[in-house]
Amino acid sequence: MEYKNYTPHAIRLNDGREFQSLGNARVEASFSDVVNDICSQVFGEVQGLPEAEDGVLLIVSARVLLSESGRGDLVAPATGHPLTVRNEKGHIVSVPCFVKGAD
């Protein structure tokens, strides 16, 4: 299986494989006016996501994965997995695997 990374940064798996960014698929968002320190956020269309290709899984953010739940070619880094590696500042260094959307 081939992976193509459409997050804005490189993704590294715990086994050392690294996937450089090829673009940035993202979900449009709009915000309401701020009232009493609170606003509403509404999510729109996904931008920057290429068409599906046979034999290719696209690495995307969890937000994109959730927004495009009908696409079986999308995976997101498993950032909440207990085997995620973090540095001394708590930043993610690598993840053990990817997660996919519900079938």
PDB file of N, CA and C in Angstrom:
ATOM      1  N   MET A   1       0.839  -1.175   0.000  1.00  0.00           N
ATOM      2  CA  MET A   1       0.000   0.000   0.000  1.00  0.00           C
ATOM      3  C   MET A   1       0.887   1.243   0.000  1.00  0.00           C
ATOM      4  N   GLU A   2       0.539   2.198  -0.809  1.00  0.00           N
ATOM      5  CA  GLU A   2       1.264   3.469  -0.864  1.00  0.00           C
ATOM      6  C   GLU A   2       0.512   4.509  -0.046  1.00  0.00           C
ATOM      7  N   TYR A   3       1.261   5.361   0.664  1.00  0.00           N
ATOM      8  CA  TYR A   3       0.681   6.453   1.431  1.00  0.00           C
ATOM      9  C   TYR A   3       1.102   7.782   0.828  1.00  0.00           C
ATOM     10  N   LYS A   4       0.179   8.728   0.787  1.00  0.00           N
ATOM     11  CA  LYS A   4       0.481  10.100   0.388  1.00  0.00           C
ATOM     12  C   LYS A   4      -0.041  11.022   1.487  1.00  0.00           C
ATOM     13  N   ASN A   5       0.820  11.919   1.935  1.00  0.00           N
ATOM     14  CA  ASN A   5       0.523  12.766   3.086  1.00  0.00           C
ATOM     15  C   ASN A   5      -0.062  14.116   2.657  1.00  0.00           C
ATOM     16  N   TYR A   6      -1.300  14.365   3.076  1.00  0.00           N
ATOM     17  CA  TYR A   6      -1.949  15.649   2.815  1.00  0.00           C
ATOM     18  C   TYR A   6      -2.246  16.388   4.109  1.00  0.00           C
ATOM     19  N   THR A   7      -1.289  16.305   5.072  1.00  0.00           N
ATOM     20  CA  THR A   7      -1.298  17.174   6.247  1.00  0.00           C
ATOM     21  C   THR A   7      -0.202  18.218   6.002  1.00  0.00           C
ATOM     22  N   PRO A   8      -0.185  19.317   6.765  1.00  0.00           N
ATOM     23  CA  PRO A   8       0.806  20.362   6.486  1.00  0.00           C
ATOM     24  C   PRO A   8       2.223  20.069   6.977  1.00  0.00           C
ATOM     25  N   HIS A   9       2.456  18.887   7.539  1.00  0.00           N
ATOM     26  CA  HIS A   9       3.777  18.565   8.077  1.00  0.00           C
ATOM     27  C   HIS A   9       4.092  17.088   7.843  1.00  0.00           C
ATOM     28  N   ALA A  10       5.352  16.733   7.978  1.00  0.00           N
ATOM     29  CA  ALA A  10       5.759  15.339   7.822  1.00  0.00           C
ATOM     30  C   ALA A  10       5.129  14.492   8.925  1.00  0.00           C
ATOM     31  N   ILE A  11       4.795  13.258   8.591  1.00  0.00           N
ATOM     32  CA  ILE A  11       4.257  12.296   9.553  1.00  0.00           C
ATOM     33  C   ILE A  11       5.254  11.156   9.671  1.00  0.00           C
ATOM     34  N   ARG A  12       5.614  10.810  10.915  1.00  0.00           N
ATOM     35  CA  ARG A  12       6.568   9.727  11.150  1.00  0.00           C
ATOM     36  C   ARG A  12       5.887   8.630  11.957  1.00  0.00           C
ATOM     37  N   LEU A  13       6.086   7.384  11.498  1.00  0.00           N
ATOM     38  CA  LEU A  13       5.621   6.229  12.253  1.00  0.00           C
ATOM     39  C   LEU A  13       6.730   5.772  13.201  1.00  0.00           C
ATOM     40  N   ASN A  14       6.351   5.066  14.264  1.00  0.00           N
ATOM     41  CA  ASN A  14       7.330   4.601  15.249  1.00  0.00           C
ATOM     42  C   ASN A  14       8.398   3.701  14.641  1.00  0.00           C
ATOM     43  N   ASP A  15       8.081   3.045  13.515  1.00  0.00           N
ATOM     44  CA  ASP A  15       9.072   2.162  12.875  1.00  0.00           C
ATOM     45  C   ASP A  15      10.090   2.931  12.031  1.00  0.00           C
ATOM     46  N   GLY A  16       9.993   4.275  12.018  1.00  0.00           N
ATOM     47  CA  GLY A  16      10.962   5.107  11.316  1.00  0.00           C
ATOM     48  C   GLY A  16      10.524   5.599   9.949  1.00  0.00           C
ATOM     49  N   ARG A  17       9.479   5.011   9.375  1.00  0.00           N
ATOM     50  CA  ARG A  17       8.995   5.516   8.085  1.00  0.00           C
ATOM     51  C   ARG A  17       8.483   6.932   8.252  1.00  0.00           C
ATOM     52  N   GLU A  18       8.781   7.764   7.278  1.00  0.00           N
ATOM     53  CA  GLU A  18       8.352   9.169   7.320  1.00  0.00           C
ATOM     54  C   GLU A  18       7.711   9.532   5.993  1.00  0.00           C
ATOM     55  N   PHE A  19       6.636  10.302   6.079  1.00  0.00           N
ATOM     56  CA  PHE A  19       5.869  10.707   4.904  1.00  0.00           C
ATOM     57  C   PHE A  19       5.851  12.224   4.842  1.00  0.00           C
ATOM     58  N   GLN A  20       6.522  12.772   3.828  1.00  0.00           N
ATOM     59  CA  GLN A  20       6.581  14.224   3.658  1.00  0.00           C
ATOM     60  C   GLN A  20       5.243  14.751   3.140  1.00  0.00           C
ATOM     61  N   SER A  21       4.948  15.973   3.474  1.00  0.00           N
ATOM     62  CA  SER A  21       3.701  16.604   3.047  1.00  0.00           C
ATOM     63  C   SER A  21       3.705  16.849   1.543  1.00  0.00           C
ATOM     64  N   LEU A  22       2.583  16.495   0.903  1.00  0.00           N
ATOM     65  CA  LEU A  22       2.389  16.755  -0.518  1.00  0.00           C
ATOM     66  C   LEU A  22       1.346  17.849  -0.739  1.00  0.00           C
ATOM     67  N   GLY A  23       0.790  18.361   0.350  1.00  0.00           N
ATOM     68  CA  GLY A  23      -0.263  19.366   0.275  1.00  0.00           C
ATOM     69  C   GLY A  23      -0.948  19.464   1.622  1.00  0.00           C
ATOM     70  N   ASN A  24      -2.014  20.231   1.676  1.00  0.00           N
ATOM     71  CA  ASN A  24      -2.706  20.427   2.939  1.00  0.00           C
ATOM     72  C   ASN A  24      -4.207  20.368   2.723  1.00  0.00           C
ATOM     73  N   ALA A  25      -4.771  19.182   2.846  1.00  0.00           N
ATOM     74  CA  ALA A  25      -6.229  19.056   2.814  1.00  0.00           C
ATOM     75  C   ALA A  25      -6.754  19.611   4.133  1.00  0.00           C
ATOM     76  N   ARG A  26      -7.760  20.449   4.053  1.00  0.00           N
ATOM     77  CA  ARG A  26      -8.296  21.037   5.278  1.00  0.00           C
ATOM     78  C   ARG A  26      -9.783  21.284   5.132  1.00  0.00           C
ATOM     79  N   VAL A  27     -10.435  21.457   6.262  1.00  0.00           N
ATOM     80  CA  VAL A  27     -11.863  21.727   6.291  1.00  0.00           C
ATOM     81  C   VAL A  27     -12.057  23.219   6.502  1.00  0.00           C
ATOM     82  N   GLU A  28     -12.836  23.843   5.627  1.00  0.00           N
ATOM     83  CA  GLU A  28     -13.155  25.261   5.811  1.00  0.00           C
ATOM     84  C   GLU A  28     -13.892  25.433   7.134  1.00  0.00           C
ATOM     85  N   ALA A  29     -13.679  26.561   7.778  1.00  0.00           N
ATOM     86  CA  ALA A  29     -14.380  26.858   9.025  1.00  0.00           C
ATOM     87  C   ALA A  29     -14.752  28.332   9.041  1.00  0.00           C
ATOM     88  N   SER A  30     -15.902  28.620   9.611  1.00  0.00           N
ATOM     89  CA  SER A  30     -16.302  30.007   9.816  1.00  0.00           C
ATOM     90  C   SER A  30     -16.721  30.166  11.270  1.00  0.00           C
ATOM     91  N   PHE A  31     -16.647  31.391  11.741  1.00  0.00           N
ATOM     92  CA  PHE A  31     -16.912  31.681  13.141  1.00  0.00           C
ATOM     93  C   PHE A  31     -17.956  32.777  13.263  1.00  0.00           C
ATOM     94  N   SER A  32     -18.774  32.670  14.299  1.00  0.00           N
ATOM     95  CA  SER A  32     -19.749  33.722  14.582  1.00  0.00           C
ATOM     96  C   SER A  32     -19.050  34.854  15.336  1.00  0.00           C
ATOM     97  N   ASP A  33     -19.776  35.902  15.605  1.00  0.00           N
ATOM     98  CA  ASP A  33     -19.254  36.980  16.437  1.00  0.00           C
ATOM     99  C   ASP A  33     -18.979  36.454  17.844  1.00  0.00           C
ATOM    100  N   VAL A  34     -18.031  37.073  18.509  1.00  0.00           N
ATOM    101  CA  VAL A  34     -17.696  36.700  19.880  1.00  0.00           C
ATOM    102  C   VAL A  34     -18.635  37.439  20.827  1.00  0.00           C
ATOM    103  N   VAL A  35     -19.302  36.675  21.673  1.00  0.00           N
ATOM    104  CA  VAL A  35     -20.197  37.250  22.680  1.00  0.00           C
ATOM    105  C   VAL A  35     -19.840  36.606  24.014  1.00  0.00           C
ATOM    106  N   ASN A  36     -19.502  37.431  24.990  1.00  0.00           N
ATOM    107  CA  ASN A  36     -19.109  36.928  26.314  1.00  0.00           C
ATOM    108  C   ASN A  36     -17.999  35.884  26.211  1.00  0.00           C
ATOM    109  N   ASP A  37     -17.012  36.168  25.389  1.00  0.00           N
ATOM    110  CA  ASP A  37     -15.824  35.321  25.195  1.00  0.00           C
ATOM    111  C   ASP A  37     -16.101  34.000  24.487  1.00  0.00           C
ATOM    112  N   ILE A  38     -17.277  33.834  23.867  1.00  0.00           N
ATOM    113  CA  ILE A  38     -17.642  32.582  23.216  1.00  0.00           C
ATOM    114  C   ILE A  38     -18.138  32.862  21.807  1.00  0.00           C
ATOM    115  N   CYS A  39     -17.772  31.994  20.878  1.00  0.00           N
ATOM    116  CA  CYS A  39     -18.293  32.074  19.518  1.00  0.00           C
ATOM    117  C   CYS A  39     -18.679  30.674  19.060  1.00  0.00           C
ATOM    118  N   SER A  40     -19.381  30.607  17.957  1.00  0.00           N
ATOM    119  CA  SER A  40     -19.740  29.325  17.342  1.00  0.00           C
ATOM    120  C   SER A  40     -18.827  29.091  16.154  1.00  0.00           C
ATOM    121  N   GLN A  41     -18.563  27.841  15.863  1.00  0.00           N
ATOM    122  CA  GLN A  41     -17.751  27.467  14.715  1.00  0.00           C
ATOM    123  C   GLN A  41     -18.564  26.514  13.850  1.00  0.00           C
ATOM    124  N   VAL A  42     -18.559  26.775  12.543  1.00  0.00           N
ATOM    125  CA  VAL A  42     -19.269  25.933  11.593  1.00  0.00           C
ATOM    126  C   VAL A  42     -18.260  25.431  10.571  1.00  0.00           C
ATOM    127  N   PHE A  43     -18.283  24.129  10.320  1.00  0.00           N
ATOM    128  CA  PHE A  43     -17.359  23.532   9.368  1.00  0.00           C
ATOM    129  C   PHE A  43     -18.030  23.381   8.015  1.00  0.00           C
ATOM    130  N   GLY A  44     -17.251  23.607   6.966  1.00  0.00           N
ATOM    131  CA  GLY A  44     -17.774  23.554   5.607  1.00  0.00           C
ATOM    132  C   GLY A  44     -17.116  22.471   4.788  1.00  0.00           C
ATOM    133  N   GLU A  45     -16.782  22.825   3.567  1.00  0.00           N
ATOM    134  CA  GLU A  45     -16.228  21.886   2.593  1.00  0.00           C
ATOM    135  C   GLU A  45     -14.758  21.576   2.873  1.00  0.00           C
ATOM    136  N   VAL A  46     -14.347  20.397   2.417  1.00  0.00           N
ATOM    137  CA  VAL A  46     -12.938  20.019   2.473  1.00  0.00           C
ATOM    138  C   VAL A  46     -12.258  20.566   1.234  1.00  0.00           C
ATOM    139  N   GLN A  47     -11.113  21.186   1.426  1.00  0.00           N
ATOM    140  CA  GLN A  47     -10.329  21.740   0.316  1.00  0.00           C
ATOM    141  C   GLN A  47      -8.985  21.033   0.243  1.00  0.00           C
ATOM    142  N   GLY A  48      -8.440  20.906  -0.963  1.00  0.00           N
ATOM    143  CA  GLY A  48      -7.087  20.387  -1.150  1.00  0.00           C
ATOM    144  C   GLY A  48      -6.964  18.888  -1.080  1.00  0.00           C
ATOM    145  N   LEU A  49      -8.084  18.163  -1.196  1.00  0.00           N
ATOM    146  CA  LEU A  49      -8.054  16.705  -1.132  1.00  0.00           C
ATOM    147  C   LEU A  49      -8.148  16.134  -2.540  1.00  0.00           C
ATOM    148  N   PRO A  50      -7.127  15.396  -2.976  1.00  0.00           N
ATOM    149  CA  PRO A  50      -7.172  14.841  -4.331  1.00  0.00           C
ATOM    150  C   PRO A  50      -8.179  13.701  -4.451  1.00  0.00           C
ATOM    151  N   GLU A  51      -8.457  13.334  -5.670  1.00  0.00           N
ATOM    152  CA  GLU A  51      -9.343  12.206  -5.947  1.00  0.00           C
ATOM    153  C   GLU A  51      -8.682  10.910  -5.488  1.00  0.00           C
ATOM    154  N   ALA A  52      -9.498   9.901  -5.232  1.00  0.00           N
ATOM    155  CA  ALA A  52      -8.990   8.590  -4.819  1.00  0.00           C
ATOM    156  C   ALA A  52      -8.178   7.967  -5.949  1.00  0.00           C
ATOM    157  N   GLU A  53      -7.131   7.211  -5.569  1.00  0.00           N
ATOM    158  CA  GLU A  53      -6.297   6.461  -6.507  1.00  0.00           C
ATOM    159  C   GLU A  53      -6.236   5.020  -6.028  1.00  0.00           C
ATOM    160  N   ASP A  54      -6.288   4.073  -6.941  1.00  0.00           N
ATOM    161  CA  ASP A  54      -6.161   2.665  -6.578  1.00  0.00           C
ATOM    162  C   ASP A  54      -4.829   2.414  -5.892  1.00  0.00           C
ATOM    163  N   GLY A  55      -4.857   1.695  -4.769  1.00  0.00           N
ATOM    164  CA  GLY A  55      -3.638   1.317  -4.063  1.00  0.00           C
ATOM    165  C   GLY A  55      -2.993   2.428  -3.266  1.00  0.00           C
ATOM    166  N   VAL A  56      -3.686   3.561  -3.079  1.00  0.00           N
ATOM    167  CA  VAL A  56      -3.114   4.700  -2.358  1.00  0.00           C
ATOM    168  C   VAL A  56      -4.030   5.089  -1.205  1.00  0.00           C
ATOM    169  N   LEU A  57      -3.439   5.233  -0.017  1.00  0.00           N
ATOM    170  CA  LEU A  57      -4.155   5.794   1.122  1.00  0.00           C
ATOM    171  C   LEU A  57      -3.633   7.205   1.353  1.00  0.00           C
ATOM    172  N   LEU A  58      -4.534   8.138   1.568  1.00  0.00           N
ATOM    173  CA  LEU A  58      -4.170   9.525   1.807  1.00  0.00           C
ATOM    174  C   LEU A  58      -4.165   9.788   3.307  1.00  0.00           C
ATOM    175  N   ILE A  59      -3.050  10.299   3.810  1.00  0.00           N
ATOM    176  CA  ILE A  59      -2.930  10.675   5.219  1.00  0.00           C
ATOM    177  C   ILE A  59      -3.486  12.089   5.355  1.00  0.00           C
ATOM    178  N   VAL A  60      -4.472  12.252   6.220  1.00  0.00           N
ATOM    179  CA  VAL A  60      -5.129  13.540   6.419  1.00  0.00           C
ATOM    180  C   VAL A  60      -5.302  13.783   7.910  1.00  0.00           C
ATOM    181  N   SER A  61      -5.748  14.976   8.267  1.00  0.00           N
ATOM    182  CA  SER A  61      -6.041  15.274   9.673  1.00  0.00           C
ATOM    183  C   SER A  61      -7.289  14.528  10.117  1.00  0.00           C
ATOM    184  N   ALA A  62      -7.456  14.399  11.415  1.00  0.00           N
ATOM    185  CA  ALA A  62      -8.658  13.757  11.957  1.00  0.00           C
ATOM    186  C   ALA A  62      -9.912  14.516  11.539  1.00  0.00           C
ATOM    187  N   ARG A  63      -9.852  15.837  11.471  1.00  0.00           N
ATOM    188  CA  ARG A  63     -11.014  16.644  11.070  1.00  0.00           C
ATOM    189  C   ARG A  63     -11.418  16.314   9.633  1.00  0.00           C
ATOM    190  N   VAL A  64     -10.450  16.219   8.736  1.00  0.00           N
ATOM    191  CA  VAL A  64     -10.756  15.859   7.340  1.00  0.00           C
ATOM    192  C   VAL A  64     -11.318  14.443   7.287  1.00  0.00           C
ATOM    193  N   LEU A  65     -10.707  13.519   8.024  1.00  0.00           N
ATOM    194  CA  LEU A  65     -11.183  12.137   8.053  1.00  0.00           C
ATOM    195  C   LEU A  65     -12.653  12.079   8.472  1.00  0.00           C
ATOM    196  N   LEU A  66     -13.013  12.810   9.507  1.00  0.00           N
ATOM    197  CA  LEU A  66     -14.402  12.827   9.978  1.00  0.00           C
ATOM    198  C   LEU A  66     -15.337  13.495   8.974  1.00  0.00           C
ATOM    199  N   SER A  67     -14.857  14.521   8.307  1.00  0.00           N
ATOM    200  CA  SER A  67     -15.693  15.261   7.351  1.00  0.00           C
ATOM    201  C   SER A  67     -15.950  14.467   6.079  1.00  0.00           C
ATOM    202  N   GLU A  68     -15.032  13.569   5.732  1.00  0.00           N
ATOM    203  CA  GLU A  68     -15.138  12.776   4.510  1.00  0.00           C
ATOM    204  C   GLU A  68     -15.315  11.300   4.864  1.00  0.00           C
ATOM    205  N   SER A  69     -16.225  11.011   5.766  1.00  0.00           N
ATOM    206  CA  SER A  69     -16.379   9.656   6.319  1.00  0.00           C
ATOM    207  C   SER A  69     -16.743   8.605   5.275  1.00  0.00           C
ATOM    208  N   GLY A  70     -17.240   9.004   4.116  1.00  0.00           N
ATOM    209  CA  GLY A  70     -17.598   8.047   3.080  1.00  0.00           C
ATOM    210  C   GLY A  70     -16.431   7.556   2.245  1.00  0.00           C
ATOM    211  N   ARG A  71     -15.272   8.170   2.406  1.00  0.00           N
ATOM    212  CA  ARG A  71     -14.108   7.786   1.601  1.00  0.00           C
ATOM    213  C   ARG A  71     -13.266   6.756   2.325  1.00  0.00           C
ATOM    214  N   GLY A  72     -13.095   5.612   1.727  1.00  0.00           N
ATOM    215  CA  GLY A  72     -12.314   4.537   2.334  1.00  0.00           C
ATOM    216  C   GLY A  72     -10.826   4.648   2.117  1.00  0.00           C
ATOM    217  N   ASP A  73     -10.381   5.692   1.415  1.00  0.00           N
ATOM    218  CA  ASP A  73      -8.948   5.847   1.112  1.00  0.00           C
ATOM    219  C   ASP A  73      -8.255   6.833   2.037  1.00  0.00           C
ATOM    220  N   LEU A  74      -8.918   7.236   3.112  1.00  0.00           N
ATOM    221  CA  LEU A  74      -8.349   8.235   4.019  1.00  0.00           C
ATOM    222  C   LEU A  74      -7.966   7.612   5.358  1.00  0.00           C
ATOM    223  N   VAL A  75      -6.816   8.013   5.886  1.00  0.00           N
ATOM    224  CA  VAL A  75      -6.367   7.631   7.222  1.00  0.00           C
ATOM    225  C   VAL A  75      -5.819   8.869   7.910  1.00  0.00           C
ATOM    226  N   ALA A  76      -5.781   8.830   9.240  1.00  0.00           N
ATOM    227  CA  ALA A  76      -5.221   9.928  10.022  1.00  0.00           C
ATOM    228  C   ALA A  76      -4.221   9.362  11.020  1.00  0.00           C
ATOM    229  N   PRO A  77      -3.218  10.144  11.415  1.00  0.00           N
ATOM    230  CA  PRO A  77      -2.271   9.671  12.420  1.00  0.00           C
ATOM    231  C   PRO A  77      -2.997   9.342  13.730  1.00  0.00           C
ATOM    232  N   ALA A  78      -2.620   8.233  14.356  1.00  0.00           N
ATOM    233  CA  ALA A  78      -3.232   7.798  15.611  1.00  0.00           C
ATOM    234  C   ALA A  78      -2.591   8.540  16.783  1.00  0.00           C
ATOM    235  N   THR A  79      -2.820   9.836  16.847  1.00  0.00           N
ATOM    236  CA  THR A  79      -2.148  10.690  17.837  1.00  0.00           C
ATOM    237  C   THR A  79      -2.559  10.408  19.277  1.00  0.00           C
ATOM    238  N   GLY A  80      -3.727   9.832  19.492  1.00  0.00           N
ATOM    239  CA  GLY A  80      -4.170   9.527  20.850  1.00  0.00           C
ATOM    240  C   GLY A  80      -3.796   8.128  21.321  1.00  0.00           C
ATOM    241  N   HIS A  81      -3.136   7.363  20.481  1.00  0.00           N
ATOM    242  CA  HIS A  81      -2.752   5.981  20.806  1.00  0.00           C
ATOM    243  C   HIS A  81      -1.747   5.982  21.961  1.00  0.00           C
ATOM    244  N   PRO A  82      -1.833   5.000  22.876  1.00  0.00           N
ATOM    245  CA  PRO A  82      -0.892   4.964  24.005  1.00  0.00           C
ATOM    246  C   PRO A  82       0.570   4.798  23.596  1.00  0.00           C
ATOM    247  N   LEU A  83       0.855   4.304  22.400  1.00  0.00           N
ATOM    248  CA  LEU A  83       2.239   4.130  21.960  1.00  0.00           C
ATOM    249  C   LEU A  83       2.776   5.319  21.161  1.00  0.00           C
ATOM    250  N   THR A  84       2.026   6.421  21.140  1.00  0.00           N
ATOM    251  CA  THR A  84       2.519   7.639  20.499  1.00  0.00           C
ATOM    252  C   THR A  84       3.758   8.122  21.252  1.00  0.00           C
ATOM    253  N   VAL A  85       4.795   8.496  20.513  1.00  0.00           N
ATOM    254  CA  VAL A  85       6.046   8.967  21.112  1.00  0.00           C
ATOM    255  C   VAL A  85       6.032  10.494  21.142  1.00  0.00           C
ATOM    256  N   ARG A  86       6.337  11.049  22.313  1.00  0.00           N
ATOM    257  CA  ARG A  86       6.388  12.499  22.492  1.00  0.00           C
ATOM    258  C   ARG A  86       7.766  12.910  23.000  1.00  0.00           C
ATOM    259  N   ASN A  87       8.164  14.144  22.673  1.00  0.00           N
ATOM    260  CA  ASN A  87       9.436  14.646  23.180  1.00  0.00           C
ATOM    261  C   ASN A  87       9.242  15.249  24.576  1.00  0.00           C
ATOM    262  N   GLU A  88      10.303  15.822  25.135  1.00  0.00           N
ATOM    263  CA  GLU A  88      10.257  16.360  26.498  1.00  0.00           C
ATOM    264  C   GLU A  88       9.274  17.525  26.652  1.00  0.00           C
ATOM    265  N   LYS A  89       8.920  18.169  25.545  1.00  0.00           N
ATOM    266  CA  LYS A  89       7.941  19.261  25.594  1.00  0.00           C
ATOM    267  C   LYS A  89       6.516  18.769  25.362  1.00  0.00           C
ATOM    268  N   GLY A  90       6.355  17.469  25.123  1.00  0.00           N
ATOM    269  CA  GLY A  90       5.034  16.907  24.889  1.00  0.00           C
ATOM    270  C   GLY A  90       4.594  16.910  23.437  1.00  0.00           C
ATOM    271  N   HIS A  91       5.471  17.365  22.538  1.00  0.00           N
ATOM    272  CA  HIS A  91       5.145  17.372  21.109  1.00  0.00           C
ATOM    273  C   HIS A  91       5.274  15.965  20.532  1.00  0.00           C
ATOM    274  N   ILE A  92       4.389  15.627  19.621  1.00  0.00           N
ATOM    275  CA  ILE A  92       4.416  14.299  19.010  1.00  0.00           C
ATOM    276  C   ILE A  92       5.633  14.156  18.099  1.00  0.00           C
ATOM    277  N   VAL A  93       6.371  13.075  18.300  1.00  0.00           N
ATOM    278  CA  VAL A  93       7.531  12.738  17.479  1.00  0.00           C
ATOM    279  C   VAL A  93       7.130  11.711  16.426  1.00  0.00           C
ATOM    280  N   SER A  94       6.368  10.698  16.858  1.00  0.00           N
ATOM    281  CA  SER A  94       5.925   9.663  15.938  1.00  0.00           C
ATOM    282  C   SER A  94       4.678   8.976  16.499  1.00  0.00           C
ATOM    283  N   VAL A  95       3.973   8.302  15.611  1.00  0.00           N
ATOM    284  CA  VAL A  95       2.779   7.555  16.004  1.00  0.00           C
ATOM    285  C   VAL A  95       2.959   6.094  15.604  1.00  0.00           C
ATOM    286  N   PRO A  96       2.268   5.178  16.287  1.00  0.00           N
ATOM    287  CA  PRO A  96       2.463   3.764  15.975  1.00  0.00           C
ATOM    288  C   PRO A  96       1.751   3.307  14.713  1.00  0.00           C
ATOM    289  N   CYS A  97       0.727   4.048  14.320  1.00  0.00           N
ATOM    290  CA  CYS A  97      -0.096   3.589  13.201  1.00  0.00           C
ATOM    291  C   CYS A  97      -1.032   4.719  12.758  1.00  0.00           C
ATOM    292  N   PHE A  98      -1.894   4.388  11.823  1.00  0.00           N
ATOM    293  CA  PHE A  98      -2.934   5.299  11.363  1.00  0.00           C
ATOM    294  C   PHE A  98      -4.292   4.768  11.805  1.00  0.00           C
ATOM    295  N   VAL A  99      -5.280   5.643  11.852  1.00  0.00           N
ATOM    296  CA  VAL A  99      -6.657   5.240  12.091  1.00  0.00           C
ATOM    297  C   VAL A  99      -7.450   5.524  10.819  1.00  0.00           C
ATOM    298  N   LYS A 100      -8.505   4.752  10.615  1.00  0.00           N
ATOM    299  CA  LYS A 100      -9.373   4.988   9.463  1.00  0.00           C
ATOM    300  C   LYS A 100     -10.766   5.294   9.961  1.00  0.00           C
ATOM    301  N   GLY A 101     -11.563   5.860   9.092  1.00  0.00           N
ATOM    302  CA  GLY A 101     -12.930   6.194   9.446  1.00  0.00           C
ATOM    303  C   GLY A 101     -13.787   4.952   9.569  1.00  0.00           C
ATOM    304  N   ALA A 102     -14.960   5.138  10.133  1.00  0.00           N
ATOM    305  CA  ALA A 102     -15.903   4.025  10.271  1.00  0.00           C
ATOM    306  C   ALA A 102     -16.395   3.592   8.908  1.00  0.00           C
ATOM    307  N   ASP A 103     -16.562   2.305   8.741  1.00  0.00           N
ATOM    308  CA  ASP A 103     -17.083   1.778   7.468  1.00  0.00           C
ATOM    309  C   ASP A 103     -18.595   1.876   7.421  1.00  0.00           C
TER     310      ASP A 103
END
